[in-house]
Amino acid sequence: IDGNLIDFGKEMEVNCRNLVLELLDFVDDVVDDLGCRNDLNYVHKILEHGTGADRQLAVYEQTGNFESVVDYITTQTLIGAK
């Protein structure tokens, strides 16, 4: 999400986050009818806080230890399983 994509409407390369935000804005008026507001909210959360891979990389950069990354993944999985 930190890279660039092609915006075929504008025929140019644009920031991925900006393109996703534009798409979310475009579909916003129908998401409640489709029952997918929570899904769009989750996309906003990813844009704000990064992906799971981003967080795993941050743990590795802080610790330099793959075991810490595995511990982080395990903890996050258990939290999500509740």
PDB file of N, CA and C in Angstrom:
ATOM      1  N   ILE A   1       0.815  -1.217   0.000  1.00  0.00           N
ATOM      2  CA  ILE A   1       0.000   0.000   0.000  1.00  0.00           C
ATOM      3  C   ILE A   1       0.847   1.266   0.000  1.00  0.00           C
ATOM      4  N   ASP A   2       2.136   1.098   0.119  1.00  0.00           N
ATOM      5  CA  ASP A   2       3.016   2.268   0.084  1.00  0.00           C
ATOM      6  C   ASP A   2       3.574   2.527  -1.307  1.00  0.00           C
ATOM      7  N   GLY A   3       3.208   1.695  -2.257  1.00  0.00           N
ATOM      8  CA  GLY A   3       3.718   1.849  -3.611  1.00  0.00           C
ATOM      9  C   GLY A   3       2.782   2.662  -4.484  1.00  0.00           C
ATOM     10  N   ASN A   4       2.971   2.523  -5.763  1.00  0.00           N
ATOM     11  CA  ASN A   4       2.156   3.233  -6.741  1.00  0.00           C
ATOM     12  C   ASN A   4       1.407   2.247  -7.619  1.00  0.00           C
ATOM     13  N   LEU A   5       0.287   2.693  -8.150  1.00  0.00           N
ATOM     14  CA  LEU A   5      -0.520   1.929  -9.093  1.00  0.00           C
ATOM     15  C   LEU A   5      -0.841   2.817 -10.278  1.00  0.00           C
ATOM     16  N   ILE A   6      -1.336   2.200 -11.328  1.00  0.00           N
ATOM     17  CA  ILE A   6      -1.761   2.970 -12.484  1.00  0.00           C
ATOM     18  C   ILE A   6      -3.232   3.331 -12.314  1.00  0.00           C
ATOM     19  N   ASP A   7      -3.533   4.604 -12.398  1.00  0.00           N
ATOM     20  CA  ASP A   7      -4.915   5.081 -12.437  1.00  0.00           C
ATOM     21  C   ASP A   7      -5.264   5.194 -13.917  1.00  0.00           C
ATOM     22  N   PHE A   8      -6.029   4.220 -14.401  1.00  0.00           N
ATOM     23  CA  PHE A   8      -6.328   4.175 -15.828  1.00  0.00           C
ATOM     24  C   PHE A   8      -7.241   5.312 -16.259  1.00  0.00           C
ATOM     25  N   GLY A   9      -8.043   5.843 -15.338  1.00  0.00           N
ATOM     26  CA  GLY A   9      -8.877   6.994 -15.665  1.00  0.00           C
ATOM     27  C   GLY A   9      -8.053   8.241 -15.921  1.00  0.00           C
ATOM     28  N   LYS A  10      -7.009   8.407 -15.124  1.00  0.00           N
ATOM     29  CA  LYS A  10      -6.129   9.578 -15.264  1.00  0.00           C
ATOM     30  C   LYS A  10      -4.937   9.295 -16.175  1.00  0.00           C
ATOM     31  N   GLU A  11      -4.775   8.003 -16.519  1.00  0.00           N
ATOM     32  CA  GLU A  11      -3.655   7.557 -17.342  1.00  0.00           C
ATOM     33  C   GLU A  11      -2.313   8.001 -16.768  1.00  0.00           C
ATOM     34  N   MET A  12      -2.157   7.728 -15.456  1.00  0.00           N
ATOM     35  CA  MET A  12      -0.904   8.086 -14.796  1.00  0.00           C
ATOM     36  C   MET A  12      -0.699   7.219 -13.560  1.00  0.00           C
ATOM     37  N   GLU A  13       0.524   7.208 -13.081  1.00  0.00           N
ATOM     38  CA  GLU A  13       0.872   6.493 -11.864  1.00  0.00           C
ATOM     39  C   GLU A  13       0.491   7.353 -10.669  1.00  0.00           C
ATOM     40  N   VAL A  14      -0.169   6.730  -9.681  1.00  0.00           N
ATOM     41  CA  VAL A  14      -0.583   7.459  -8.482  1.00  0.00           C
ATOM     42  C   VAL A  14      -0.264   6.617  -7.247  1.00  0.00           C
ATOM     43  N   ASN A  15      -0.212   7.272  -6.114  1.00  0.00           N
ATOM     44  CA  ASN A  15       0.014   6.610  -4.837  1.00  0.00           C
ATOM     45  C   ASN A  15      -1.126   5.636  -4.554  1.00  0.00           C
ATOM     46  N   CYS A  16      -0.787   4.427  -4.155  1.00  0.00           N
ATOM     47  CA  CYS A  16      -1.777   3.384  -3.892  1.00  0.00           C
ATOM     48  C   CYS A  16      -2.793   3.818  -2.843  1.00  0.00           C
ATOM     49  N   ARG A  17      -2.316   4.399  -1.750  1.00  0.00           N
ATOM     50  CA  ARG A  17      -3.231   4.835  -0.689  1.00  0.00           C
ATOM     51  C   ARG A  17      -4.262   5.824  -1.227  1.00  0.00           C
ATOM     52  N   ASN A  18      -3.797   6.764  -2.029  1.00  0.00           N
ATOM     53  CA  ASN A  18      -4.719   7.757  -2.580  1.00  0.00           C
ATOM     54  C   ASN A  18      -5.748   7.115  -3.503  1.00  0.00           C
ATOM     55  N   LEU A  19      -5.303   6.146  -4.294  1.00  0.00           N
ATOM     56  CA  LEU A  19      -6.223   5.471  -5.204  1.00  0.00           C
ATOM     57  C   LEU A  19      -7.253   4.656  -4.426  1.00  0.00           C
ATOM     58  N   VAL A  20      -6.824   3.981  -3.374  1.00  0.00           N
ATOM     59  CA  VAL A  20      -7.753   3.211  -2.543  1.00  0.00           C
ATOM     60  C   VAL A  20      -8.756   4.148  -1.877  1.00  0.00           C
ATOM     61  N   LEU A  21      -8.280   5.268  -1.338  1.00  0.00           N
ATOM     62  CA  LEU A  21      -9.191   6.231  -0.711  1.00  0.00           C
ATOM     63  C   LEU A  21     -10.203   6.777  -1.716  1.00  0.00           C
ATOM     64  N   GLU A  22      -9.757   7.010  -2.937  1.00  0.00           N
ATOM     65  CA  GLU A  22     -10.663   7.480  -3.983  1.00  0.00           C
ATOM     66  C   GLU A  22     -11.730   6.422  -4.284  1.00  0.00           C
ATOM     67  N   LEU A  23     -11.326   5.165  -4.341  1.00  0.00           N
ATOM     68  CA  LEU A  23     -12.270   4.075  -4.586  1.00  0.00           C
ATOM     69  C   LEU A  23     -13.259   3.939  -3.429  1.00  0.00           C
ATOM     70  N   LEU A  24     -12.766   4.028  -2.196  1.00  0.00           N
ATOM     71  CA  LEU A  24     -13.655   3.946  -1.039  1.00  0.00           C
ATOM     72  C   LEU A  24     -14.675   5.075  -1.049  1.00  0.00           C
ATOM     73  N   ASP A  25     -14.244   6.253  -1.411  1.00  0.00           N
ATOM     74  CA  ASP A  25     -15.155   7.390  -1.511  1.00  0.00           C
ATOM     75  C   ASP A  25     -16.190   7.155  -2.611  1.00  0.00           C
ATOM     76  N   PHE A  26     -15.766   6.576  -3.716  1.00  0.00           N
ATOM     77  CA  PHE A  26     -16.649   6.315  -4.853  1.00  0.00           C
ATOM     78  C   PHE A  26     -17.776   5.352  -4.486  1.00  0.00           C
ATOM     79  N   VAL A  27     -17.482   4.331  -3.680  1.00  0.00           N
ATOM     80  CA  VAL A  27     -18.488   3.315  -3.346  1.00  0.00           C
ATOM     81  C   VAL A  27     -19.221   3.601  -2.038  1.00  0.00           C
ATOM     82  N   ASP A  28     -18.844   4.658  -1.342  1.00  0.00           N
ATOM     83  CA  ASP A  28     -19.382   4.923  -0.003  1.00  0.00           C
ATOM     84  C   ASP A  28     -20.905   4.998   0.050  1.00  0.00           C
ATOM     85  N   ASP A  29     -21.542   5.521  -0.973  1.00  0.00           N
ATOM     86  CA  ASP A  29     -22.998   5.696  -0.919  1.00  0.00           C
ATOM     87  C   ASP A  29     -23.776   4.388  -1.052  1.00  0.00           C
ATOM     88  N   VAL A  30     -23.110   3.277  -1.384  1.00  0.00           N
ATOM     89  CA  VAL A  30     -23.828   2.006  -1.519  1.00  0.00           C
ATOM     90  C   VAL A  30     -23.388   0.940  -0.517  1.00  0.00           C
ATOM     91  N   VAL A  31     -22.355   1.200   0.269  1.00  0.00           N
ATOM     92  CA  VAL A  31     -21.834   0.145   1.144  1.00  0.00           C
ATOM     93  C   VAL A  31     -22.816  -0.261   2.232  1.00  0.00           C
ATOM     94  N   ASP A  32     -23.614   0.663   2.724  1.00  0.00           N
ATOM     95  CA  ASP A  32     -24.596   0.290   3.742  1.00  0.00           C
ATOM     96  C   ASP A  32     -25.673  -0.609   3.145  1.00  0.00           C
ATOM     97  N   ASP A  33     -26.125  -0.285   1.938  1.00  0.00           N
ATOM     98  CA  ASP A  33     -27.114  -1.128   1.263  1.00  0.00           C
ATOM     99  C   ASP A  33     -26.558  -2.527   0.997  1.00  0.00           C
ATOM    100  N   LEU A  34     -25.277  -2.604   0.727  1.00  0.00           N
ATOM    101  CA  LEU A  34     -24.635  -3.892   0.454  1.00  0.00           C
ATOM    102  C   LEU A  34     -24.214  -4.620   1.730  1.00  0.00           C
ATOM    103  N   GLY A  35     -24.291  -3.934   2.865  1.00  0.00           N
ATOM    104  CA  GLY A  35     -23.938  -4.544   4.142  1.00  0.00           C
ATOM    105  C   GLY A  35     -22.451  -4.768   4.336  1.00  0.00           C
ATOM    106  N   CYS A  36     -21.639  -3.904   3.750  1.00  0.00           N
ATOM    107  CA  CYS A  36     -20.190  -4.116   3.864  1.00  0.00           C
ATOM    108  C   CYS A  36     -19.455  -2.920   4.471  1.00  0.00           C
ATOM    109  N   ARG A  37     -20.145  -2.125   5.280  1.00  0.00           N
ATOM    110  CA  ARG A  37     -19.518  -0.972   5.932  1.00  0.00           C
ATOM    111  C   ARG A  37     -18.329  -1.405   6.790  1.00  0.00           C
ATOM    112  N   ASN A  38     -18.480  -2.513   7.531  1.00  0.00           N
ATOM    113  CA  ASN A  38     -17.379  -2.978   8.382  1.00  0.00           C
ATOM    114  C   ASN A  38     -16.142  -3.322   7.566  1.00  0.00           C
ATOM    115  N   ASP A  39     -16.359  -3.873   6.376  1.00  0.00           N
ATOM    116  CA  ASP A  39     -15.227  -4.204   5.510  1.00  0.00           C
ATOM    117  C   ASP A  39     -14.488  -2.943   5.086  1.00  0.00           C
ATOM    118  N   LEU A  40     -15.230  -1.917   4.715  1.00  0.00           N
ATOM    119  CA  LEU A  40     -14.590  -0.669   4.313  1.00  0.00           C
ATOM    120  C   LEU A  40     -13.890  -0.004   5.488  1.00  0.00           C
ATOM    121  N   ASN A  41     -14.485  -0.105   6.677  1.00  0.00           N
ATOM    122  CA  ASN A  41     -13.830   0.436   7.864  1.00  0.00           C
ATOM    123  C   ASN A  41     -12.496  -0.270   8.115  1.00  0.00           C
ATOM    124  N   TYR A  42     -12.460  -1.580   7.835  1.00  0.00           N
ATOM    125  CA  TYR A  42     -11.218  -2.327   8.016  1.00  0.00           C
ATOM    126  C   TYR A  42     -10.154  -1.875   7.015  1.00  0.00           C
ATOM    127  N   VAL A  43     -10.570  -1.567   5.801  1.00  0.00           N
ATOM    128  CA  VAL A  43      -9.621  -1.051   4.811  1.00  0.00           C
ATOM    129  C   VAL A  43      -9.036   0.276   5.301  1.00  0.00           C
ATOM    130  N   HIS A  44      -9.884   1.128   5.873  1.00  0.00           N
ATOM    131  CA  HIS A  44      -9.386   2.396   6.432  1.00  0.00           C
ATOM    132  C   HIS A  44      -8.380   2.126   7.555  1.00  0.00           C
ATOM    133  N   LYS A  45      -8.660   1.118   8.379  1.00  0.00           N
ATOM    134  CA  LYS A  45      -7.752   0.756   9.476  1.00  0.00           C
ATOM    135  C   LYS A  45      -6.395   0.311   8.924  1.00  0.00           C
ATOM    136  N   ILE A  46      -6.420  -0.487   7.864  1.00  0.00           N
ATOM    137  CA  ILE A  46      -5.169  -0.931   7.242  1.00  0.00           C
ATOM    138  C   ILE A  46      -4.397   0.261   6.694  1.00  0.00           C
ATOM    139  N   LEU A  47      -5.099   1.174   6.047  1.00  0.00           N
ATOM    140  CA  LEU A  47      -4.430   2.352   5.499  1.00  0.00           C
ATOM    141  C   LEU A  47      -3.809   3.202   6.604  1.00  0.00           C
ATOM    142  N   GLU A  48      -4.463   3.240   7.744  1.00  0.00           N
ATOM    143  CA  GLU A  48      -3.982   4.065   8.856  1.00  0.00           C
ATOM    144  C   GLU A  48      -2.841   3.397   9.630  1.00  0.00           C
ATOM    145  N   HIS A  49      -2.977   2.089   9.874  1.00  0.00           N
ATOM    146  CA  HIS A  49      -2.031   1.400  10.759  1.00  0.00           C
ATOM    147  C   HIS A  49      -1.082   0.447  10.039  1.00  0.00           C
ATOM    148  N   GLY A  50      -1.271   0.255   8.749  1.00  0.00           N
ATOM    149  CA  GLY A  50      -0.429  -0.670   8.002  1.00  0.00           C
ATOM    150  C   GLY A  50      -0.976  -2.088   8.019  1.00  0.00           C
ATOM    151  N   THR A  51      -0.325  -2.926   7.254  1.00  0.00           N
ATOM    152  CA  THR A  51      -0.726  -4.325   7.149  1.00  0.00           C
ATOM    153  C   THR A  51      -0.066  -5.149   8.244  1.00  0.00           C
ATOM    154  N   GLY A  52      -0.490  -6.396   8.368  1.00  0.00           N
ATOM    155  CA  GLY A  52       0.159  -7.301   9.301  1.00  0.00           C
ATOM    156  C   GLY A  52       1.638  -7.456   8.982  1.00  0.00           C
ATOM    157  N   ALA A  53       1.955  -7.490   7.702  1.00  0.00           N
ATOM    158  CA  ALA A  53       3.365  -7.594   7.295  1.00  0.00           C
ATOM    159  C   ALA A  53       4.155  -6.371   7.745  1.00  0.00           C
ATOM    160  N   ASP A  54       3.546  -5.190   7.655  1.00  0.00           N
ATOM    161  CA  ASP A  54       4.211  -3.970   8.130  1.00  0.00           C
ATOM    162  C   ASP A  54       4.532  -4.074   9.616  1.00  0.00           C
ATOM    163  N   ARG A  55       3.570  -4.574  10.386  1.00  0.00           N
ATOM    164  CA  ARG A  55       3.777  -4.693  11.833  1.00  0.00           C
ATOM    165  C   ARG A  55       4.830  -5.752  12.156  1.00  0.00           C
ATOM    166  N   GLN A  56       4.840  -6.844  11.388  1.00  0.00           N
ATOM    167  CA  GLN A  56       5.855  -7.877  11.596  1.00  0.00           C
ATOM    168  C   GLN A  56       7.251  -7.337  11.296  1.00  0.00           C
ATOM    169  N   LEU A  57       7.372  -6.581  10.229  1.00  0.00           N
ATOM    170  CA  LEU A  57       8.662  -5.963   9.906  1.00  0.00           C
ATOM    171  C   LEU A  57       9.105  -5.003  11.005  1.00  0.00           C
ATOM    172  N   ALA A  58       8.155  -4.271  11.566  1.00  0.00           N
ATOM    173  CA  ALA A  58       8.484  -3.338  12.647  1.00  0.00           C
ATOM    174  C   ALA A  58       9.014  -4.093  13.864  1.00  0.00           C
ATOM    175  N   VAL A  59       8.396  -5.234  14.186  1.00  0.00           N
ATOM    176  CA  VAL A  59       8.877  -6.042  15.311  1.00  0.00           C
ATOM    177  C   VAL A  59      10.304  -6.507  15.034  1.00  0.00           C
ATOM    178  N   TYR A  60      10.558  -6.963  13.819  1.00  0.00           N
ATOM    179  CA  TYR A  60      11.909  -7.424  13.484  1.00  0.00           C
ATOM    180  C   TYR A  60      12.914  -6.279  13.539  1.00  0.00           C
ATOM    181  N   GLU A  61      12.531  -5.127  13.029  1.00  0.00           N
ATOM    182  CA  GLU A  61      13.441  -3.975  13.048  1.00  0.00           C
ATOM    183  C   GLU A  61      13.752  -3.540  14.475  1.00  0.00           C
ATOM    184  N   GLN A  62      12.775  -3.681  15.375  1.00  0.00           N
ATOM    185  CA  GLN A  62      12.988  -3.295  16.774  1.00  0.00           C
ATOM    186  C   GLN A  62      13.847  -4.307  17.517  1.00  0.00           C
ATOM    187  N   THR A  63      13.684  -5.599  17.185  1.00  0.00           N
ATOM    188  CA  THR A  63      14.349  -6.644  17.967  1.00  0.00           C
ATOM    189  C   THR A  63      15.497  -7.330  17.235  1.00  0.00           C
ATOM    190  N   GLY A  64      15.444  -7.345  15.899  1.00  0.00           N
ATOM    191  CA  GLY A  64      16.438  -8.084  15.134  1.00  0.00           C
ATOM    192  C   GLY A  64      16.344  -9.582  15.342  1.00  0.00           C
ATOM    193  N   ASN A  65      15.185 -10.033  15.779  1.00  0.00           N
ATOM    194  CA  ASN A  65      15.028 -11.417  16.196  1.00  0.00           C
ATOM    195  C   ASN A  65      13.771 -12.015  15.566  1.00  0.00           C
ATOM    196  N   PHE A  66      13.956 -13.108  14.804  1.00  0.00           N
ATOM    197  CA  PHE A  66      12.810 -13.755  14.170  1.00  0.00           C
ATOM    198  C   PHE A  66      11.877 -14.410  15.190  1.00  0.00           C
ATOM    199  N   GLU A  67      12.425 -14.864  16.307  1.00  0.00           N
ATOM    200  CA  GLU A  67      11.575 -15.458  17.341  1.00  0.00           C
ATOM    201  C   GLU A  67      10.585 -14.432  17.881  1.00  0.00           C
ATOM    202  N   SER A  68      11.000 -13.198  17.990  1.00  0.00           N
ATOM    203  CA  SER A  68      10.090 -12.138  18.441  1.00  0.00           C
ATOM    204  C   SER A  68       8.964 -11.933  17.438  1.00  0.00           C
ATOM    205  N   VAL A  69       9.283 -12.072  16.163  1.00  0.00           N
ATOM    206  CA  VAL A  69       8.252 -11.945  15.128  1.00  0.00           C
ATOM    207  C   VAL A  69       7.255 -13.091  15.254  1.00  0.00           C
ATOM    208  N   VAL A  70       7.751 -14.305  15.461  1.00  0.00           N
ATOM    209  CA  VAL A  70       6.865 -15.459  15.632  1.00  0.00           C
ATOM    210  C   VAL A  70       6.005 -15.278  16.878  1.00  0.00           C
ATOM    211  N   ASP A  71       6.593 -14.802  17.962  1.00  0.00           N
ATOM    212  CA  ASP A  71       5.823 -14.537  19.184  1.00  0.00           C
ATOM    213  C   ASP A  71       4.734 -13.506  18.919  1.00  0.00           C
ATOM    214  N   TYR A  72       5.068 -12.469  18.167  1.00  0.00           N
ATOM    215  CA  TYR A  72       4.089 -11.431  17.829  1.00  0.00           C
ATOM    216  C   TYR A  72       2.941 -12.026  17.016  1.00  0.00           C
ATOM    217  N   ILE A  73       3.278 -12.816  15.998  1.00  0.00           N
ATOM    218  CA  ILE A  73       2.243 -13.426  15.155  1.00  0.00           C
ATOM    219  C   ILE A  73       1.347 -14.335  15.992  1.00  0.00           C
ATOM    220  N   THR A  74       1.955 -15.123  16.863  1.00  0.00           N
ATOM    221  CA  THR A  74       1.186 -16.028  17.715  1.00  0.00           C
ATOM    222  C   THR A  74       0.237 -15.252  18.612  1.00  0.00           C
ATOM    223  N   THR A  75       0.736 -14.209  19.232  1.00  0.00           N
ATOM    224  CA  THR A  75      -0.097 -13.385  20.114  1.00  0.00           C
ATOM    225  C   THR A  75      -1.248 -12.754  19.347  1.00  0.00           C
ATOM    226  N   GLN A  76      -0.956 -12.204  18.182  1.00  0.00           N
ATOM    227  CA  GLN A  76      -2.003 -11.564  17.382  1.00  0.00           C
ATOM    228  C   GLN A  76      -3.049 -12.577  16.926  1.00  0.00           C
ATOM    229  N   THR A  77      -2.611 -13.790  16.606  1.00  0.00           N
ATOM    230  CA  THR A  77      -3.542 -14.840  16.196  1.00  0.00           C
ATOM    231  C   THR A  77      -4.452 -15.220  17.351  1.00  0.00           C
ATOM    232  N   LEU A  78      -3.881 -15.366  18.544  1.00  0.00           N
ATOM    233  CA  LEU A  78      -4.689 -15.727  19.709  1.00  0.00           C
ATOM    234  C   LEU A  78      -5.672 -14.620  20.069  1.00  0.00           C
ATOM    235  N   ILE A  79      -5.249 -13.373  19.945  1.00  0.00           N
ATOM    236  CA  ILE A  79      -6.153 -12.248  20.210  1.00  0.00           C
ATOM    237  C   ILE A  79      -7.304 -12.267  19.214  1.00  0.00           C
ATOM    238  N   GLY A  80      -6.999 -12.522  17.948  1.00  0.00           N
ATOM    239  CA  GLY A  80      -8.026 -12.558  16.913  1.00  0.00           C
ATOM    240  C   GLY A  80      -8.958 -13.743  17.038  1.00  0.00           C
ATOM    241  N   ALA A  81      -8.499 -14.811  17.682  1.00  0.00           N
ATOM    242  CA  ALA A  81      -9.309 -16.017  17.813  1.00  0.00           C
ATOM    243  C   ALA A  81     -10.347 -15.907  18.918  1.00  0.00           C
ATOM    244  N   LYS A  82     -10.218 -14.900  19.753  1.00  0.00           N
ATOM    245  CA  LYS A  82     -11.155 -14.756  20.883  1.00  0.00           C
ATOM    246  C   LYS A  82     -12.456 -14.146  20.447  1.00  0.00           C
TER     247      LYS A  82
END
